[in-house]
Protein backbone atom coordinates (compact mmCIF):
# COMPACT_ATOMS: atom_id res chain seq x y z
CA MET A 1 -4.54 231.25 114.10
CA HIS A 2 -5.43 228.48 111.73
CA ALA A 3 -2.83 228.17 108.99
CA THR A 4 -3.41 227.02 105.45
CA GLU A 5 -1.05 226.39 102.56
CA PHE A 6 -2.18 228.56 99.67
CA ALA A 7 0.66 227.36 97.41
CA PRO A 8 3.86 225.39 98.07
CA ASP A 9 5.89 227.16 100.74
CA LEU A 10 3.38 230.02 100.98
CA VAL A 11 1.47 229.82 104.26
CA ILE A 12 -1.51 232.02 105.06
CA GLN A 13 -3.21 232.40 108.41
CA GLY A 14 -5.87 234.71 109.77
CA PHE A 15 -7.62 235.72 106.54
CA THR A 16 -9.07 234.28 103.35
CA PRO A 17 -7.24 235.23 100.14
CA PRO A 18 -7.20 236.98 97.85
CA LEU A 19 -6.94 240.48 99.20
CA ARG A 20 -6.74 243.37 96.75
CA LEU A 21 -3.49 245.28 96.29
CA ARG A 22 -5.45 248.49 95.76
CA ASP A 23 -6.91 248.19 99.28
CA PHE A 24 -3.48 249.11 100.65
CA LYS A 25 -1.75 252.48 100.44
CA LEU A 26 1.68 251.75 101.94
CA ILE A 27 4.15 248.86 102.03
CA ALA A 28 6.95 248.83 104.61
CA PHE A 29 10.04 246.68 104.18
CA ASP A 30 12.87 245.62 106.42
CA MET A 31 16.15 245.69 104.48
CA ASP A 32 18.74 243.13 105.60
CA SER A 33 17.74 239.58 104.62
CA THR A 34 14.38 240.91 103.39
CA LEU A 35 14.86 243.36 100.53
CA ILE A 36 18.53 242.39 100.21
CA ASN A 37 20.44 239.12 100.49
CA ILE A 38 22.89 239.95 103.30
CA GLU A 39 23.16 241.25 106.84
CA CYS A 40 25.34 244.30 106.17
CA VAL A 41 26.79 244.51 109.67
CA ASP A 42 28.05 240.93 109.40
CA GLU A 43 29.73 241.61 106.06
CA ILE A 44 31.39 244.80 107.34
CA ALA A 45 32.69 242.82 110.31
CA ASP A 46 34.41 240.47 107.87
CA ALA A 47 36.94 243.26 107.22
CA ALA A 48 37.80 243.29 110.90
CA GLY A 49 38.12 239.51 111.07
CA ARG A 50 35.08 239.38 113.34
CA LYS A 51 32.31 238.17 111.09
CA ALA A 52 31.58 234.99 113.07
CA GLU A 53 31.37 236.90 116.34
CA VAL A 54 29.11 239.62 114.93
CA ALA A 55 26.96 237.17 112.96
CA ALA A 56 26.27 235.15 116.10
CA ILE A 57 24.91 238.27 117.82
CA THR A 58 22.85 239.16 114.74
CA GLU A 59 21.33 235.70 114.57
CA ALA A 60 20.39 235.73 118.25
CA ALA A 61 18.84 239.18 117.91
CA MET A 62 16.83 238.20 114.83
CA ARG A 63 15.55 235.07 116.57
CA GLY A 64 14.42 237.20 119.50
CA GLU A 65 16.86 235.56 121.90
CA ILE A 66 18.40 238.99 122.62
CA THR A 67 15.55 241.21 123.69
CA ASP A 68 17.50 244.50 123.82
CA TYR A 69 18.08 245.17 120.13
CA LYS A 70 19.78 248.51 120.75
CA ASP A 71 22.34 246.91 123.04
CA SER A 72 22.96 244.11 120.55
CA LEU A 73 23.54 246.60 117.74
CA ARG A 74 25.88 248.75 119.83
CA ARG A 75 27.90 245.62 120.65
CA ARG A 76 28.15 244.68 116.99
CA VAL A 77 29.01 248.19 115.80
CA ALA A 78 31.73 248.49 118.47
CA LEU A 79 33.42 245.50 116.83
CA LEU A 80 33.59 247.42 113.52
CA ARG A 81 35.97 250.02 114.90
CA GLY A 82 38.79 250.77 112.49
CA VAL A 83 37.12 249.37 109.36
CA ARG A 84 37.66 251.67 106.38
CA VAL A 85 34.63 253.20 104.67
CA ALA A 86 36.15 251.98 101.41
CA TYR A 87 35.45 248.43 102.59
CA MET A 88 31.76 249.28 102.99
CA GLU A 89 31.74 250.30 99.34
CA GLN A 90 33.27 246.93 98.51
CA VAL A 91 30.52 245.18 100.47
CA TYR A 92 27.91 247.15 98.55
CA ARG A 93 29.41 246.45 95.13
CA GLU A 94 30.52 242.84 95.59
CA ARG A 95 28.16 241.26 98.14
CA LEU A 96 24.87 243.15 98.32
CA GLN A 97 22.12 242.10 95.94
CA LEU A 98 18.40 242.69 95.90
CA ASN A 99 16.52 239.56 96.84
CA PRO A 100 14.57 237.86 94.04
CA GLY A 101 11.29 239.59 93.27
CA ALA A 102 12.12 242.77 95.18
CA ALA A 103 12.12 245.08 92.17
CA THR A 104 8.98 243.44 90.76
CA LEU A 105 7.01 243.73 94.00
CA VAL A 106 8.02 247.35 94.58
CA ALA A 107 7.15 248.26 90.99
CA MET A 108 3.74 246.59 91.24
CA CYS A 109 2.98 248.35 94.52
CA LYS A 110 3.97 251.72 93.07
CA ALA A 111 1.90 251.05 89.96
CA ALA A 112 -1.08 250.43 92.26
CA GLY A 113 -0.55 253.87 93.81
CA MET A 114 1.12 252.69 97.01
CA LYS A 115 3.97 254.44 98.80
CA VAL A 116 7.05 252.48 99.85
CA LEU A 117 8.78 252.68 103.24
CA LEU A 118 12.16 251.15 104.10
CA VAL A 119 12.80 250.80 107.84
CA SER A 120 16.04 249.14 108.85
CA GLY A 121 18.14 248.37 111.89
CA GLY A 122 20.99 248.64 109.40
CA PHE A 123 22.79 251.68 108.08
CA THR A 124 22.09 254.68 105.86
CA TYR A 125 25.19 253.86 103.80
CA PHE A 126 23.22 250.96 102.34
CA THR A 127 19.58 252.04 102.78
CA ASP A 128 20.19 255.23 100.79
CA ARG A 129 21.50 253.18 97.85
CA VAL A 130 18.64 250.68 98.01
CA ARG A 131 16.21 253.62 98.22
CA ASP A 132 17.63 255.16 95.06
CA THR A 133 17.71 251.84 93.20
CA LEU A 134 14.09 250.94 93.92
CA GLY A 135 12.52 254.39 94.12
CA VAL A 136 11.60 254.05 97.80
CA ASP A 137 9.61 257.01 99.18
CA TYR A 138 10.58 257.00 102.86
CA THR A 139 13.48 255.53 104.86
CA ARG A 140 14.66 255.24 108.43
CA SER A 141 17.92 253.60 109.51
CA ASN A 142 21.09 254.16 111.51
CA VAL A 143 24.16 256.32 110.81
CA LEU A 144 27.64 254.91 111.41
CA GLU A 145 30.12 257.44 112.79
CA VAL A 146 33.14 257.96 110.54
CA VAL A 147 36.36 259.85 111.35
CA ASP A 148 39.19 260.14 108.83
CA GLY A 149 37.65 257.46 106.63
CA LEU A 150 37.43 254.91 109.45
CA LEU A 151 34.47 253.60 111.44
CA THR A 152 34.70 254.65 115.09
CA GLY A 153 32.60 251.79 116.42
CA ARG A 154 29.76 254.16 117.30
CA MET A 155 26.56 255.43 115.73
CA VAL A 156 25.37 259.01 115.36
CA ASP A 157 22.19 260.16 117.09
CA GLN A 158 19.55 261.56 114.72
CA ALA A 159 16.70 264.04 115.18
CA TRP A 160 14.22 261.23 115.78
CA GLY A 161 16.37 259.26 118.24
CA ASP A 162 19.43 257.06 118.58
CA ILE A 163 18.79 253.63 117.02
CA CYS A 164 16.12 252.25 114.70
CA ASP A 165 14.97 249.20 116.63
CA GLY A 166 11.64 247.38 116.59
CA ALA A 167 9.83 250.13 118.49
CA GLU A 168 11.17 252.77 116.11
CA LYS A 169 10.11 250.71 113.09
CA ARG A 170 6.56 250.64 114.47
CA THR A 171 6.68 254.38 115.21
CA MET A 172 7.93 255.18 111.72
CA LEU A 173 5.16 253.09 110.19
CA GLN A 174 2.58 254.94 112.31
CA GLN A 175 4.06 258.34 111.46
CA THR A 176 4.17 257.59 107.74
CA CYS A 177 0.56 256.43 107.79
CA ALA A 178 -0.43 259.64 109.60
CA GLN A 179 1.47 261.70 107.03
CA LEU A 180 -0.39 259.93 104.24
CA GLY A 181 -3.75 260.27 105.99
CA ILE A 182 -4.26 256.52 106.26
CA THR A 183 -4.44 253.98 109.06
CA PRO A 184 -1.94 251.15 109.72
CA SER A 185 -4.67 248.75 108.59
CA GLN A 186 -4.03 250.09 105.07
CA ALA A 187 -0.34 249.16 105.28
CA ILE A 188 1.60 245.99 104.52
CA ALA A 189 4.73 245.23 106.59
CA MET A 190 7.36 242.70 105.49
CA GLY A 191 10.30 241.42 107.52
CA ASP A 192 12.30 238.42 108.66
CA GLY A 193 13.49 239.10 112.21
CA ALA A 194 12.12 239.65 115.70
CA ASN A 195 12.73 243.39 115.48
CA ASP A 196 10.20 243.52 112.62
CA LEU A 197 7.36 242.13 114.74
CA PRO A 198 6.31 245.48 116.30
CA MET A 199 5.56 247.04 112.90
CA MET A 200 4.14 243.81 111.52
CA GLY A 201 1.81 243.62 114.52
CA ILE A 202 0.00 246.87 113.66
CA ALA A 203 -0.10 246.50 109.87
CA GLY A 204 -3.19 245.41 108.01
CA LEU A 205 -1.16 242.64 106.40
CA SER A 206 2.01 241.19 107.92
CA VAL A 207 4.38 239.17 105.74
CA ALA A 208 7.32 237.02 106.86
CA TYR A 209 9.98 236.50 104.20
CA HIS A 210 12.31 233.51 104.67
CA ALA A 211 11.93 234.45 108.31
CA LYS A 212 12.90 233.22 111.75
CA PRO A 213 10.42 230.76 113.30
CA THR A 214 8.86 233.26 115.73
CA VAL A 215 8.21 235.67 112.87
CA ARG A 216 6.71 233.01 110.60
CA GLU A 217 4.37 231.94 113.38
CA GLN A 218 2.99 235.44 113.95
CA ALA A 219 2.77 236.68 110.35
CA MET A 220 -0.42 236.53 108.28
CA VAL A 221 1.60 235.44 105.25
CA ALA A 222 4.83 233.44 105.36
CA ILE A 223 6.87 233.23 102.16
CA ASN A 224 9.20 230.32 102.86
CA ALA A 225 10.57 229.79 99.36
CA GLY A 226 10.89 231.87 96.22
CA GLY A 227 10.97 235.64 95.82
CA LEU A 228 9.33 238.60 97.48
CA ASP A 229 6.94 238.92 94.57
CA ARG A 230 5.21 235.72 95.69
CA LEU A 231 3.14 238.08 97.82
CA LEU A 232 1.33 238.94 94.58
CA GLU A 233 -0.08 235.41 94.58
CA VAL A 234 -2.38 236.42 97.44
CA LEU A 235 -3.05 240.00 96.33
CA ALA A 236 -5.44 240.30 93.43
């Protein structure tokens, strides 16, 4: 696709702006490094003295160098065994922040009548809090198994499946659209990593936020600097 620079560090390819926000009915966000500033699994691993090891796996997975996301997540979660749940609360309170423009963009989308979906390869411990903070309508993420206040190094299977990977993100986007009586072409999908590409690939507008190179290349909009609300520069 031919790429153009609509504004500094805001690259658009595959359509001519502006689009209209009211043409869309749903916006789907990744969480870690998209809506929020951290990779939660890496920060939890810090308590086990294994942040560098876990972060290296995360980085490879986000770049698409590890093609089996489920396996990569199981490997990372296994390294969290023995971490106290209390440390996760510390991560939430001391390290996790919404990325710039997140609250503004979500509020503008909701004001335009859109629903908001949060789909994450991360964990309900954090997605539930982000959901409540931003007023997100739908979520899907993974559950860490806890016994006696400690992480076991495993995840809990849910009614819909075992792990929210790229395929599950796409499925959840499709299911939410069906529930709302709309098509994926009426949805916006925003992410930063390779596991976001399946949902971004079926959305009417795909947005890469401070993303890995392979994601920037395939997205219709790439926000390479500034906040999430820079998307509003191309949505009238």
